[in-house]
Structure formats: C-alpha cells, structure tokens
Amino acid sequence: MPASHAAADLKVRPLSRMMKALGDETRLRIVALISHGELCVCHVEGALGLTQPTASRHLSVLRAAGVVDHRRKGTWVHYQLAEQLDPDCRKVLRALVGSFAKHDLLRRDVERLLKTRGPGACR
C-alpha cells in the first residue's frame, strides 16, 4: 500500500471506529441517554430494560471506540460522552446528539431514565 493511502487510512480511522460503534440501535439509545449527563451502568439498565452484562458489553464497545469515557466510583462505573479530539468525530457526534430529541423512542428512554435515576438507583 502506498504511503499516501496509509496516511489517509489513519485520518479516517477514528471516524470509522466511531461509526461502527454507533451502528447498533442499543448503542445509539445508550449514547442518547448519556448525552444528558454522566450515568451509572444501572441507570442504563433500568432505562433500556437491559441486563447488566448486556449494558456493560455495549458500553465497552462505545468506550473502545472513544465515544464514551468512564470513571470508577467504588464498585460502580460511571460513563459520560468522551471529548472528541478528531474534528470529524466531534461534528458527527454533535449532529447525532442534536437529532435525538425528534425521535419518540429516545424521548421515552429518557423519560424512563428520569423515573429510575436517583440515589437509590445504584444497588
């Protein structure tokens, strides 16, 4: 492969990785929830009706793609949208988050999140 192709591949790799991670309905729904602020895995479980292993697996894919960051707080892991250093990734994620409000399913997910989120939510 010529050097120019290798350099071009490196430039699109972050965007390609992000798009692959976002190419799943459940992961899009998770990003829509996290776009409202930092969440614990249990919040994602409750809002989307997922098991802990399923929620954690999807969050792991999003984390590996650089879409979300995490931090540990005791035994709990909290997730937030990651700062996007790549300008194309930043634009795509901003546009995606901006489009969430017009989707009924995503609005209902947020409504469920607001009902389940609270001090007693993390078991």
PDB file of N, CA and C in Angstrom:
ATOM      1  N   MET A   1       0.850  -1.173   0.000  1.00  0.00           N
ATOM      2  CA  MET A   1       0.000   0.000   0.000  1.00  0.00           C
ATOM      3  C   MET A   1       0.899   1.241   0.000  1.00  0.00           C
ATOM      4  N   PRO A   2       0.645   2.176  -0.918  1.00  0.00           N
ATOM      5  CA  PRO A   2       1.443   3.398  -0.956  1.00  0.00           C
ATOM      6  C   PRO A   2       1.291   4.189   0.341  1.00  0.00           C
ATOM      7  N   ALA A   3       2.325   4.952   0.674  1.00  0.00           N
ATOM      8  CA  ALA A   3       2.335   5.725   1.918  1.00  0.00           C
ATOM      9  C   ALA A   3       1.155   6.684   1.992  1.00  0.00           C
ATOM     10  N   SER A   4       0.751   7.257   0.850  1.00  0.00           N
ATOM     11  CA  SER A   4      -0.364   8.210   0.876  1.00  0.00           C
ATOM     12  C   SER A   4      -1.673   7.527   1.289  1.00  0.00           C
ATOM     13  N   HIS A   5      -1.847   6.260   0.885  1.00  0.00           N
ATOM     14  CA  HIS A   5      -3.049   5.521   1.292  1.00  0.00           C
ATOM     15  C   HIS A   5      -3.014   5.207   2.780  1.00  0.00           C
ATOM     16  N   ALA A   6      -1.846   4.859   3.287  1.00  0.00           N
ATOM     17  CA  ALA A   6      -1.720   4.555   4.708  1.00  0.00           C
ATOM     18  C   ALA A   6      -2.040   5.791   5.543  1.00  0.00           C
ATOM     19  N   ALA A   7      -1.557   6.947   5.129  1.00  0.00           N
ATOM     20  CA  ALA A   7      -1.832   8.194   5.852  1.00  0.00           C
ATOM     21  C   ALA A   7      -3.320   8.520   5.799  1.00  0.00           C
ATOM     22  N   ALA A   8      -3.945   8.317   4.646  1.00  0.00           N
ATOM     23  CA  ALA A   8      -5.384   8.581   4.509  1.00  0.00           C
ATOM     24  C   ALA A   8      -6.183   7.641   5.407  1.00  0.00           C
ATOM     25  N   ASP A   9      -5.759   6.371   5.491  1.00  0.00           N
ATOM     26  CA  ASP A   9      -6.437   5.409   6.360  1.00  0.00           C
ATOM     27  C   ASP A   9      -6.398   5.864   7.808  1.00  0.00           C
ATOM     28  N   LEU A  10      -5.248   6.371   8.244  1.00  0.00           N
ATOM     29  CA  LEU A  10      -5.112   6.827   9.629  1.00  0.00           C
ATOM     30  C   LEU A  10      -6.029   8.005   9.914  1.00  0.00           C
ATOM     31  N   LYS A  11      -6.261   8.857   8.925  1.00  0.00           N
ATOM     32  CA  LYS A  11      -7.103  10.031   9.129  1.00  0.00           C
ATOM     33  C   LYS A  11      -8.579   9.663   9.282  1.00  0.00           C
ATOM     34  N   VAL A  12      -9.017   8.612   8.629  1.00  0.00           N
ATOM     35  CA  VAL A  12     -10.436   8.228   8.720  1.00  0.00           C
ATOM     36  C   VAL A  12     -10.695   7.163   9.775  1.00  0.00           C
ATOM     37  N   ARG A  13      -9.648   6.594  10.339  1.00  0.00           N
ATOM     38  CA  ARG A  13      -9.823   5.511  11.315  1.00  0.00           C
ATOM     39  C   ARG A  13     -10.675   5.912  12.519  1.00  0.00           C
ATOM     40  N   PRO A  14     -10.456   7.075  13.160  1.00  0.00           N
ATOM     41  CA  PRO A  14     -11.312   7.421  14.303  1.00  0.00           C
ATOM     42  C   PRO A  14     -12.792   7.512  13.928  1.00  0.00           C
ATOM     43  N   LEU A  15     -13.076   8.117  12.798  1.00  0.00           N
ATOM     44  CA  LEU A  15     -14.467   8.254  12.360  1.00  0.00           C
ATOM     45  C   LEU A  15     -15.053   6.886  12.016  1.00  0.00           C
ATOM     46  N   SER A  16     -14.289   6.053  11.351  1.00  0.00           N
ATOM     47  CA  SER A  16     -14.745   4.709  11.005  1.00  0.00           C
ATOM     48  C   SER A  16     -15.049   3.906  12.273  1.00  0.00           C
ATOM     49  N   ARG A  17     -14.167   3.990  13.249  1.00  0.00           N
ATOM     50  CA  ARG A  17     -14.351   3.273  14.513  1.00  0.00           C
ATOM     51  C   ARG A  17     -15.615   3.764  15.228  1.00  0.00           C
ATOM     52  N   MET A  18     -15.821   5.078  15.229  1.00  0.00           N
ATOM     53  CA  MET A  18     -17.000   5.642  15.873  1.00  0.00           C
ATOM     54  C   MET A  18     -18.276   5.179  15.168  1.00  0.00           C
ATOM     55  N   MET A  19     -18.269   5.238  13.852  1.00  0.00           N
ATOM     56  CA  MET A  19     -19.473   4.868  13.100  1.00  0.00           C
ATOM     57  C   MET A  19     -19.819   3.396  13.295  1.00  0.00           C
ATOM     58  N   LYS A  20     -18.809   2.539  13.367  1.00  0.00           N
ATOM     59  CA  LYS A  20     -19.067   1.117  13.612  1.00  0.00           C
ATOM     60  C   LYS A  20     -19.716   0.918  14.974  1.00  0.00           C
ATOM     61  N   ALA A  21     -19.209   1.634  15.976  1.00  0.00           N
ATOM     62  CA  ALA A  21     -19.773   1.502  17.326  1.00  0.00           C
ATOM     63  C   ALA A  21     -21.195   2.034  17.381  1.00  0.00           C
ATOM     64  N   LEU A  22     -21.483   3.077  16.634  1.00  0.00           N
ATOM     65  CA  LEU A  22     -22.815   3.682  16.657  1.00  0.00           C
ATOM     66  C   LEU A  22     -23.794   2.981  15.717  1.00  0.00           C
ATOM     67  N   GLY A  23     -23.326   1.986  14.991  1.00  0.00           N
ATOM     68  CA  GLY A  23     -24.163   1.271  14.037  1.00  0.00           C
ATOM     69  C   GLY A  23     -25.023   0.201  14.685  1.00  0.00           C
ATOM     70  N   ASP A  24     -25.433   0.420  15.913  1.00  0.00           N
ATOM     71  CA  ASP A  24     -26.265  -0.525  16.646  1.00  0.00           C
ATOM     72  C   ASP A  24     -27.330   0.273  17.391  1.00  0.00           C
ATOM     73  N   GLU A  25     -28.586  -0.148  17.279  1.00  0.00           N
ATOM     74  CA  GLU A  25     -29.689   0.604  17.879  1.00  0.00           C
ATOM     75  C   GLU A  25     -29.526   0.765  19.389  1.00  0.00           C
ATOM     76  N   THR A  26     -29.136  -0.297  20.069  1.00  0.00           N
ATOM     77  CA  THR A  26     -28.984  -0.208  21.525  1.00  0.00           C
ATOM     78  C   THR A  26     -27.889   0.780  21.896  1.00  0.00           C
ATOM     79  N   ARG A  27     -26.782   0.754  21.181  1.00  0.00           N
ATOM     80  CA  ARG A  27     -25.693   1.694  21.493  1.00  0.00           C
ATOM     81  C   ARG A  27     -26.100   3.133  21.191  1.00  0.00           C
ATOM     82  N   LEU A  28     -26.885   3.350  20.144  1.00  0.00           N
ATOM     83  CA  LEU A  28     -27.401   4.702  19.881  1.00  0.00           C
ATOM     84  C   LEU A  28     -28.296   5.159  21.026  1.00  0.00           C
ATOM     85  N   ARG A  29     -29.122   4.257  21.519  1.00  0.00           N
ATOM     86  CA  ARG A  29     -30.007   4.599  22.634  1.00  0.00           C
ATOM     87  C   ARG A  29     -29.199   4.921  23.893  1.00  0.00           C
ATOM     88  N   ILE A  30     -28.122   4.187  24.111  1.00  0.00           N
ATOM     89  CA  ILE A  30     -27.255   4.458  25.258  1.00  0.00           C
ATOM     90  C   ILE A  30     -26.609   5.837  25.119  1.00  0.00           C
ATOM     91  N   VAL A  31     -26.117   6.150  23.938  1.00  0.00           N
ATOM     92  CA  VAL A  31     -25.494   7.467  23.705  1.00  0.00           C
ATOM     93  C   VAL A  31     -26.531   8.568  23.928  1.00  0.00           C
ATOM     94  N   ALA A  32     -27.751   8.339  23.505  1.00  0.00           N
ATOM     95  CA  ALA A  32     -28.806   9.337  23.714  1.00  0.00           C
ATOM     96  C   ALA A  32     -29.011   9.583  25.209  1.00  0.00           C
ATOM     97  N   LEU A  33     -28.983   8.528  26.011  1.00  0.00           N
ATOM     98  CA  LEU A  33     -29.133   8.696  27.456  1.00  0.00           C
ATOM     99  C   LEU A  33     -27.941   9.434  28.057  1.00  0.00           C
ATOM    100  N   ILE A  34     -26.750   9.000  27.683  1.00  0.00           N
ATOM    101  CA  ILE A  34     -25.532   9.589  28.254  1.00  0.00           C
ATOM    102  C   ILE A  34     -25.353  11.033  27.803  1.00  0.00           C
ATOM    103  N   SER A  35     -25.965  11.403  26.697  1.00  0.00           N
ATOM    104  CA  SER A  35     -25.846  12.793  26.242  1.00  0.00           C
ATOM    105  C   SER A  35     -26.500  13.758  27.231  1.00  0.00           C
ATOM    106  N   HIS A  36     -27.308  13.228  28.157  1.00  0.00           N
ATOM    107  CA  HIS A  36     -27.951  14.056  29.182  1.00  0.00           C
ATOM    108  C   HIS A  36     -27.094  14.187  30.440  1.00  0.00           C
ATOM    109  N   GLY A  37     -25.954  13.514  30.465  1.00  0.00           N
ATOM    110  CA  GLY A  37     -25.063  13.606  31.618  1.00  0.00           C
ATOM    111  C   GLY A  37     -24.539  12.242  32.023  1.00  0.00           C
ATOM    112  N   GLU A  38     -23.600  12.259  32.938  1.00  0.00           N
ATOM    113  CA  GLU A  38     -22.951  11.037  33.395  1.00  0.00           C
ATOM    114  C   GLU A  38     -23.963  10.065  33.998  1.00  0.00           C
ATOM    115  N   LEU A  39     -23.814   8.790  33.638  1.00  0.00           N
ATOM    116  CA  LEU A  39     -24.723   7.749  34.122  1.00  0.00           C
ATOM    117  C   LEU A  39     -23.944   6.535  34.591  1.00  0.00           C
ATOM    118  N   CYS A  40     -24.522   5.863  35.560  1.00  0.00           N
ATOM    119  CA  CYS A  40     -24.018   4.579  36.025  1.00  0.00           C
ATOM    120  C   CYS A  40     -24.610   3.485  35.123  1.00  0.00           C
ATOM    121  N   VAL A  41     -23.967   2.348  35.084  1.00  0.00           N
ATOM    122  CA  VAL A  41     -24.480   1.226  34.291  1.00  0.00           C
ATOM    123  C   VAL A  41     -25.911   0.893  34.706  1.00  0.00           C
ATOM    124  N   CYS A  42     -26.208   0.966  36.004  1.00  0.00           N
ATOM    125  CA  CYS A  42     -27.553   0.604  36.469  1.00  0.00           C
ATOM    126  C   CYS A  42     -28.616   1.552  35.908  1.00  0.00           C
ATOM    127  N   HIS A  43     -28.263   2.810  35.645  1.00  0.00           N
ATOM    128  CA  HIS A  43     -29.211   3.737  35.031  1.00  0.00           C
ATOM    129  C   HIS A  43     -29.541   3.291  33.608  1.00  0.00           C
ATOM    130  N   VAL A  44     -28.515   2.884  32.876  1.00  0.00           N
ATOM    131  CA  VAL A  44     -28.707   2.411  31.504  1.00  0.00           C
ATOM    132  C   VAL A  44     -29.564   1.150  31.506  1.00  0.00           C
ATOM    133  N   GLU A  45     -29.263   0.234  32.430  1.00  0.00           N
ATOM    134  CA  GLU A  45     -30.051  -0.998  32.554  1.00  0.00           C
ATOM    135  C   GLU A  45     -31.529  -0.679  32.756  1.00  0.00           C
ATOM    136  N   GLY A  46     -31.812   0.178  33.723  1.00  0.00           N
ATOM    137  CA  GLY A  46     -33.196   0.489  34.068  1.00  0.00           C
ATOM    138  C   GLY A  46     -33.939   1.201  32.958  1.00  0.00           C
ATOM    139  N   ALA A  47     -33.283   2.154  32.323  1.00  0.00           N
ATOM    140  CA  ALA A  47     -33.953   2.942  31.283  1.00  0.00           C
ATOM    141  C   ALA A  47     -34.230   2.126  30.033  1.00  0.00           C
ATOM    142  N   LEU A  48     -33.335   1.188  29.719  1.00  0.00           N
ATOM    143  CA  LEU A  48     -33.486   0.426  28.470  1.00  0.00           C
ATOM    144  C   LEU A  48     -33.949  -1.014  28.699  1.00  0.00           C
ATOM    145  N   GLY A  49     -34.096  -1.420  29.949  1.00  0.00           N
ATOM    146  CA  GLY A  49     -34.524  -2.783  30.231  1.00  0.00           C
ATOM    147  C   GLY A  49     -33.482  -3.817  29.842  1.00  0.00           C
ATOM    148  N   LEU A  50     -32.218  -3.485  30.051  1.00  0.00           N
ATOM    149  CA  LEU A  50     -31.123  -4.388  29.699  1.00  0.00           C
ATOM    150  C   LEU A  50     -30.614  -5.108  30.938  1.00  0.00           C
ATOM    151  N   THR A  51     -30.014  -6.265  30.737  1.00  0.00           N
ATOM    152  CA  THR A  51     -29.321  -6.920  31.835  1.00  0.00           C
ATOM    153  C   THR A  51     -27.977  -6.215  32.030  1.00  0.00           C
ATOM    154  N   GLN A  52     -27.372  -6.397  33.198  1.00  0.00           N
ATOM    155  CA  GLN A  52     -26.084  -5.762  33.466  1.00  0.00           C
ATOM    156  C   GLN A  52     -25.016  -6.210  32.471  1.00  0.00           C
ATOM    157  N   PRO A  53     -24.895  -7.510  32.166  1.00  0.00           N
ATOM    158  CA  PRO A  53     -23.872  -7.914  31.196  1.00  0.00           C
ATOM    159  C   PRO A  53     -24.085  -7.302  29.801  1.00  0.00           C
ATOM    160  N   THR A  54     -25.345  -7.198  29.381  1.00  0.00           N
ATOM    161  CA  THR A  54     -25.629  -6.617  28.060  1.00  0.00           C
ATOM    162  C   THR A  54     -25.288  -5.139  28.037  1.00  0.00           C
ATOM    163  N   ALA A  55     -25.697  -4.408  29.061  1.00  0.00           N
ATOM    164  CA  ALA A  55     -25.384  -2.974  29.134  1.00  0.00           C
ATOM    165  C   ALA A  55     -23.873  -2.768  29.164  1.00  0.00           C
ATOM    166  N   SER A  56     -23.177  -3.559  29.967  1.00  0.00           N
ATOM    167  CA  SER A  56     -21.722  -3.417  30.082  1.00  0.00           C
ATOM    168  C   SER A  56     -21.018  -3.737  28.770  1.00  0.00           C
ATOM    169  N   ARG A  57     -21.512  -4.736  28.057  1.00  0.00           N
ATOM    170  CA  ARG A  57     -20.892  -5.092  26.767  1.00  0.00           C
ATOM    171  C   ARG A  57     -21.035  -3.951  25.771  1.00  0.00           C
ATOM    172  N   HIS A  58     -22.230  -3.352  25.678  1.00  0.00           N
ATOM    173  CA  HIS A  58     -22.440  -2.238  24.759  1.00  0.00           C
ATOM    174  C   HIS A  58     -21.605  -1.026  25.172  1.00  0.00           C
ATOM    175  N   LEU A  59     -21.537  -0.758  26.455  1.00  0.00           N
ATOM    176  CA  LEU A  59     -20.720   0.367  26.934  1.00  0.00           C
ATOM    177  C   LEU A  59     -19.243   0.133  26.652  1.00  0.00           C
ATOM    178  N   SER A  60     -18.811  -1.107  26.731  1.00  0.00           N
ATOM    179  CA  SER A  60     -17.425  -1.451  26.422  1.00  0.00           C
ATOM    180  C   SER A  60     -17.092  -1.164  24.959  1.00  0.00           C
ATOM    181  N   VAL A  61     -18.022  -1.483  24.067  1.00  0.00           N
ATOM    182  CA  VAL A  61     -17.816  -1.194  22.635  1.00  0.00           C
ATOM    183  C   VAL A  61     -17.728   0.319  22.423  1.00  0.00           C
ATOM    184  N   LEU A  62     -18.613   1.066  23.071  1.00  0.00           N
ATOM    185  CA  LEU A  62     -18.592   2.525  22.935  1.00  0.00           C
ATOM    186  C   LEU A  62     -17.314   3.117  23.513  1.00  0.00           C
ATOM    187  N   ARG A  63     -16.861   2.544  24.619  1.00  0.00           N
ATOM    188  CA  ARG A  63     -15.613   3.024  25.231  1.00  0.00           C
ATOM    189  C   ARG A  63     -14.414   2.725  24.335  1.00  0.00           C
ATOM    190  N   ALA A  64     -14.346   1.531  23.781  1.00  0.00           N
ATOM    191  CA  ALA A  64     -13.232   1.153  22.904  1.00  0.00           C
ATOM    192  C   ALA A  64     -13.183   2.032  21.658  1.00  0.00           C
ATOM    193  N   ALA A  65     -14.338   2.508  21.218  1.00  0.00           N
ATOM    194  CA  ALA A  65     -14.405   3.368  20.028  1.00  0.00           C
ATOM    195  C   ALA A  65     -14.169   4.837  20.371  1.00  0.00           C
ATOM    196  N   GLY A  66     -14.011   5.139  21.655  1.00  0.00           N
ATOM    197  CA  GLY A  66     -13.763   6.519  22.052  1.00  0.00           C
ATOM    198  C   GLY A  66     -15.007   7.389  22.111  1.00  0.00           C
ATOM    199  N   VAL A  67     -16.185   6.771  22.134  1.00  0.00           N
ATOM    200  CA  VAL A  67     -17.435   7.527  22.180  1.00  0.00           C
ATOM    201  C   VAL A  67     -17.742   7.945  23.616  1.00  0.00           C
ATOM    202  N   VAL A  68     -17.460   7.065  24.572  1.00  0.00           N
ATOM    203  CA  VAL A  68     -17.692   7.375  25.979  1.00  0.00           C
ATOM    204  C   VAL A  68     -16.410   7.182  26.780  1.00  0.00           C
ATOM    205  N   ASP A  69     -16.330   7.894  27.885  1.00  0.00           N
ATOM    206  CA  ASP A  69     -15.277   7.718  28.889  1.00  0.00           C
ATOM    207  C   ASP A  69     -15.935   7.134  30.116  1.00  0.00           C
ATOM    208  N   HIS A  70     -15.128   6.585  31.001  1.00  0.00           N
ATOM    209  CA  HIS A  70     -15.677   6.050  32.240  1.00  0.00           C
ATOM    210  C   HIS A  70     -14.795   6.428  33.419  1.00  0.00           C
ATOM    211  N   ARG A  71     -15.397   6.344  34.583  1.00  0.00           N
ATOM    212  CA  ARG A  71     -14.646   6.506  35.826  1.00  0.00           C
ATOM    213  C   ARG A  71     -15.274   5.581  36.860  1.00  0.00           C
ATOM    214  N   ARG A  72     -14.442   5.074  37.732  1.00  0.00           N
ATOM    215  CA  ARG A  72     -14.920   4.200  38.799  1.00  0.00           C
ATOM    216  C   ARG A  72     -15.216   5.023  40.038  1.00  0.00           C
ATOM    217  N   LYS A  73     -16.290   4.652  40.702  1.00  0.00           N
ATOM    218  CA  LYS A  73     -16.633   5.248  41.991  1.00  0.00           C
ATOM    219  C   LYS A  73     -17.021   4.082  42.885  1.00  0.00           C
ATOM    220  N   GLY A  74     -16.075   3.618  43.669  1.00  0.00           N
ATOM    221  CA  GLY A  74     -16.298   2.408  44.462  1.00  0.00           C
ATOM    222  C   GLY A  74     -16.455   1.224  43.532  1.00  0.00           C
ATOM    223  N   THR A  75     -17.573   0.521  43.674  1.00  0.00           N
ATOM    224  CA  THR A  75     -17.815  -0.641  42.806  1.00  0.00           C
ATOM    225  C   THR A  75     -18.567  -0.267  41.536  1.00  0.00           C
ATOM    226  N   TRP A  76     -18.954   1.009  41.416  1.00  0.00           N
ATOM    227  CA  TRP A  76     -19.766   1.448  40.287  1.00  0.00           C
ATOM    228  C   TRP A  76     -18.902   2.088  39.216  1.00  0.00           C
ATOM    229  N   VAL A  77     -19.318   1.927  37.986  1.00  0.00           N
ATOM    230  CA  VAL A  77     -18.646   2.563  36.852  1.00  0.00           C
ATOM    231  C   VAL A  77     -19.619   3.566  36.248  1.00  0.00           C
ATOM    232  N   HIS A  78     -19.162   4.788  36.094  1.00  0.00           N
ATOM    233  CA  HIS A  78     -19.981   5.869  35.550  1.00  0.00           C
ATOM    234  C   HIS A  78     -19.446   6.250  34.176  1.00  0.00           C
ATOM    235  N   TYR A  79     -20.362   6.533  33.253  1.00  0.00           N
ATOM    236  CA  TYR A  79     -19.998   6.841  31.869  1.00  0.00           C
ATOM    237  C   TYR A  79     -20.462   8.231  31.485  1.00  0.00           C
ATOM    238  N   GLN A  80     -19.690   8.859  30.625  1.00  0.00           N
ATOM    239  CA  GLN A  80     -20.053  10.152  30.054  1.00  0.00           C
ATOM    240  C   GLN A  80     -19.548  10.183  28.618  1.00  0.00           C
ATOM    241  N   LEU A  81     -20.092  11.095  27.819  1.00  0.00           N
ATOM    242  CA  LEU A  81     -19.599  11.224  26.452  1.00  0.00           C
ATOM    243  C   LEU A  81     -18.141  11.671  26.505  1.00  0.00           C
ATOM    244  N   ALA A  82     -17.333  11.083  25.666  1.00  0.00           N
ATOM    245  CA  ALA A  82     -15.912  11.421  25.612  1.00  0.00           C
ATOM    246  C   ALA A  82     -15.704  12.685  24.789  1.00  0.00           C
ATOM    247  N   GLU A  83     -14.712  13.450  25.173  1.00  0.00           N
ATOM    248  CA  GLU A  83     -14.324  14.604  24.370  1.00  0.00           C
ATOM    249  C   GLU A  83     -13.749  14.065  23.057  1.00  0.00           C
ATOM    250  N   GLN A  84     -14.216  14.597  21.956  1.00  0.00           N
ATOM    251  CA  GLN A  84     -13.778  14.132  20.645  1.00  0.00           C
ATOM    252  C   GLN A  84     -12.666  15.039  20.130  1.00  0.00           C
ATOM    253  N   LEU A  85     -11.463  14.502  20.048  1.00  0.00           N
ATOM    254  CA  LEU A  85     -10.328  15.276  19.574  1.00  0.00           C
ATOM    255  C   LEU A  85     -10.321  15.387  18.050  1.00  0.00           C
ATOM    256  N   ASP A  86     -10.829  14.356  17.394  1.00  0.00           N
ATOM    257  CA  ASP A  86     -10.909  14.376  15.937  1.00  0.00           C
ATOM    258  C   ASP A  86     -12.061  15.300  15.525  1.00  0.00           C
ATOM    259  N   PRO A  87     -11.792  16.300  14.676  1.00  0.00           N
ATOM    260  CA  PRO A  87     -12.851  17.248  14.311  1.00  0.00           C
ATOM    261  C   PRO A  87     -14.041  16.597  13.610  1.00  0.00           C
ATOM    262  N   ASP A  88     -13.803  15.600  12.777  1.00  0.00           N
ATOM    263  CA  ASP A  88     -14.913  14.924  12.098  1.00  0.00           C
ATOM    264  C   ASP A  88     -15.779  14.155  13.097  1.00  0.00           C
ATOM    265  N   CYS A  89     -15.137  13.480  14.038  1.00  0.00           N
ATOM    266  CA  CYS A  89     -15.887  12.752  15.070  1.00  0.00           C
ATOM    267  C   CYS A  89     -16.694  13.728  15.914  1.00  0.00           C
ATOM    268  N   ARG A  90     -16.095  14.855  16.245  1.00  0.00           N
ATOM    269  CA  ARG A  90     -16.790  15.870  17.047  1.00  0.00           C
ATOM    270  C   ARG A  90     -18.042  16.354  16.330  1.00  0.00           C
ATOM    271  N   LYS A  91     -17.922  16.637  15.031  1.00  0.00           N
ATOM    272  CA  LYS A  91     -19.075  17.112  14.244  1.00  0.00           C
ATOM    273  C   LYS A  91     -20.169  16.053  14.170  1.00  0.00           C
ATOM    274  N   VAL A  92     -19.783  14.817  13.908  1.00  0.00           N
ATOM    275  CA  VAL A  92     -20.762  13.733  13.773  1.00  0.00           C
ATOM    276  C   VAL A  92     -21.487  13.517  15.097  1.00  0.00           C
ATOM    277  N   LEU A  93     -20.752  13.470  16.191  1.00  0.00           N
ATOM    278  CA  LEU A  93     -21.391  13.223  17.481  1.00  0.00           C
ATOM    279  C   LEU A  93     -22.302  14.382  17.877  1.00  0.00           C
ATOM    280  N   ARG A  94     -21.870  15.608  17.614  1.00  0.00           N
ATOM    281  CA  ARG A  94     -22.720  16.777  17.904  1.00  0.00           C
ATOM    282  C   ARG A  94     -24.021  16.724  17.102  1.00  0.00           C
ATOM    283  N   ALA A  95     -23.899  16.418  15.814  1.00  0.00           N
ATOM    284  CA  ALA A  95     -25.093  16.342  14.959  1.00  0.00           C
ATOM    285  C   ALA A  95     -26.019  15.217  15.422  1.00  0.00           C
ATOM    286  N   LEU A  96     -25.436  14.094  15.774  1.00  0.00           N
ATOM    287  CA  LEU A  96     -26.231  12.958  16.230  1.00  0.00           C
ATOM    288  C   LEU A  96     -26.976  13.305  17.514  1.00  0.00           C
ATOM    289  N   VAL A  97     -26.275  13.847  18.482  1.00  0.00           N
ATOM    290  CA  VAL A  97     -26.900  14.219  19.754  1.00  0.00           C
ATOM    291  C   VAL A  97     -28.000  15.255  19.520  1.00  0.00           C
ATOM    292  N   GLY A  98     -27.762  16.191  18.616  1.00  0.00           N
ATOM    293  CA  GLY A  98     -28.757  17.207  18.304  1.00  0.00           C
ATOM    294  C   GLY A  98     -30.014  16.639  17.671  1.00  0.00           C
ATOM    295  N   SER A  99     -29.899  15.480  17.049  1.00  0.00           N
ATOM    296  CA  SER A  99     -31.058  14.881  16.380  1.00  0.00           C
ATOM    297  C   SER A  99     -31.893  13.994  17.297  1.00  0.00           C
ATOM    298  N   PHE A 100     -31.387  13.679  18.478  1.00  0.00           N
ATOM    299  CA  PHE A 100     -32.069  12.721  19.350  1.00  0.00           C
ATOM    300  C   PHE A 100     -33.465  13.170  19.776  1.00  0.00           C
ATOM    301  N   ALA A 101     -33.655  14.454  20.015  1.00  0.00           N
ATOM    302  CA  ALA A 101     -34.932  14.948  20.558  1.00  0.00           C
ATOM    303  C   ALA A 101     -36.123  14.666  19.647  1.00  0.00           C
ATOM    304  N   LYS A 102     -35.890  14.501  18.373  1.00  0.00           N
ATOM    305  CA  LYS A 102     -37.024  14.297  17.466  1.00  0.00           C
ATOM    306  C   LYS A 102     -37.426  12.824  17.319  1.00  0.00           C
ATOM    307  N   HIS A 103     -36.792  11.938  18.061  1.00  0.00           N
ATOM    308  CA  HIS A 103     -37.104  10.512  17.978  1.00  0.00           C
ATOM    309  C   HIS A 103     -37.907  10.082  19.209  1.00  0.00           C
ATOM    310  N   ASP A 104     -39.127   9.624  18.992  1.00  0.00           N
ATOM    311  CA  ASP A 104     -40.020   9.234  20.084  1.00  0.00           C
ATOM    312  C   ASP A 104     -39.401   8.175  21.001  1.00  0.00           C
ATOM    313  N   LEU A 105     -38.790   7.150  20.414  1.00  0.00           N
ATOM    314  CA  LEU A 105     -38.210   6.076  21.206  1.00  0.00           C
ATOM    315  C   LEU A 105     -37.157   6.633  22.167  1.00  0.00           C
ATOM    316  N   LEU A 106     -36.315   7.511  21.674  1.00  0.00           N
ATOM    317  CA  LEU A 106     -35.252   8.069  22.508  1.00  0.00           C
ATOM    318  C   LEU A 106     -35.826   8.977  23.595  1.00  0.00           C
ATOM    319  N   ARG A 107     -36.890   9.690  23.285  1.00  0.00           N
ATOM    320  CA  ARG A 107     -37.549  10.523  24.307  1.00  0.00           C
ATOM    321  C   ARG A 107     -38.148   9.651  25.410  1.00  0.00           C
ATOM    322  N   ARG A 108     -38.759   8.532  25.016  1.00  0.00           N
ATOM    323  CA  ARG A 108     -39.334   7.615  26.018  1.00  0.00           C
ATOM    324  C   ARG A 108     -38.228   7.004  26.892  1.00  0.00           C
ATOM    325  N   ASP A 109     -37.084   6.687  26.282  1.00  0.00           N
ATOM    326  CA  ASP A 109     -35.945   6.173  27.053  1.00  0.00           C
ATOM    327  C   ASP A 109     -35.528   7.183  28.117  1.00  0.00           C
ATOM    328  N   VAL A 110     -35.453   8.444  27.739  1.00  0.00           N
ATOM    329  CA  VAL A 110     -35.058   9.491  28.687  1.00  0.00           C
ATOM    330  C   VAL A 110     -36.106   9.629  29.787  1.00  0.00           C
ATOM    331  N   GLU A 111     -37.374   9.527  29.444  1.00  0.00           N
ATOM    332  CA  GLU A 111     -38.431   9.591  30.459  1.00  0.00           C
ATOM    333  C   GLU A 111     -38.279   8.458  31.474  1.00  0.00           C
ATOM    334  N   ARG A 112     -37.988   7.237  30.973  1.00  0.00           N
ATOM    335  CA  ARG A 112     -37.763   6.107  31.880  1.00  0.00           C
ATOM    336  C   ARG A 112     -36.522   6.350  32.728  1.00  0.00           C
ATOM    337  N   LEU A 113     -35.500   6.921  32.130  1.00  0.00           N
ATOM    338  CA  LEU A 113     -34.271   7.231  32.870  1.00  0.00           C
ATOM    339  C   LEU A 113     -34.580   8.178  34.023  1.00  0.00           C
ATOM    340  N   LEU A 114     -35.339   9.209  33.752  1.00  0.00           N
ATOM    341  CA  LEU A 114     -35.650  10.197  34.781  1.00  0.00           C
ATOM    342  C   LEU A 114     -36.450   9.572  35.927  1.00  0.00           C
ATOM    343  N   LYS A 115     -37.262   8.562  35.621  1.00  0.00           N
ATOM    344  CA  LYS A 115     -38.045   7.884  36.664  1.00  0.00           C
ATOM    345  C   LYS A 115     -37.167   6.948  37.503  1.00  0.00           C
ATOM    346  N   THR A 116     -36.164   6.337  36.878  1.00  0.00           N
ATOM    347  CA  THR A 116     -35.356   5.342  37.586  1.00  0.00           C
ATOM    348  C   THR A 116     -34.095   5.918  38.208  1.00  0.00           C
ATOM    349  N   ARG A 117     -33.672   7.078  37.749  1.00  0.00           N
ATOM    350  CA  ARG A 117     -32.417   7.651  38.221  1.00  0.00           C
ATOM    351  C   ARG A 117     -32.618   8.322  39.572  1.00  0.00           C
ATOM    352  N   GLY A 118     -31.725   8.081  40.465  1.00  0.00           N
ATOM    353  CA  GLY A 118     -31.819   8.704  41.771  1.00  0.00           C
ATOM    354  C   GLY A 118     -30.868   8.046  42.739  1.00  0.00           C
ATOM    355  N   PRO A 119     -30.848   8.519  43.978  1.00  0.00           N
ATOM    356  CA  PRO A 119     -29.891   7.994  44.964  1.00  0.00           C
ATOM    357  C   PRO A 119     -30.005   6.493  45.188  1.00  0.00           C
ATOM    358  N   GLY A 120     -31.199   5.950  45.095  1.00  0.00           N
ATOM    359  CA  GLY A 120     -31.360   4.512  45.343  1.00  0.00           C
ATOM    360  C   GLY A 120     -31.208   3.659  44.097  1.00  0.00           C
ATOM    361  N   ALA A 121     -30.948   4.279  42.966  1.00  0.00           N
ATOM    362  CA  ALA A 121     -30.898   3.536  41.704  1.00  0.00           C
ATOM    363  C   ALA A 121     -29.714   2.583  41.646  1.00  0.00           C
ATOM    364  N   CYS A 122     -28.581   3.003  42.168  1.00  0.00           N
ATOM    365  CA  CYS A 122     -27.406   2.134  42.165  1.00  0.00           C
ATOM    366  C   CYS A 122     -27.495   1.209  43.372  1.00  0.00           C
ATOM    367  N   ARG A 123     -27.631  -0.071  43.075  1.00  0.00           N
ATOM    368  CA  ARG A 123     -27.845  -1.051  44.154  1.00  0.00           C
ATOM    369  C   ARG A 123     -26.572  -1.371  44.872  1.00  0.00           C
TER     370      ARG A 123
END
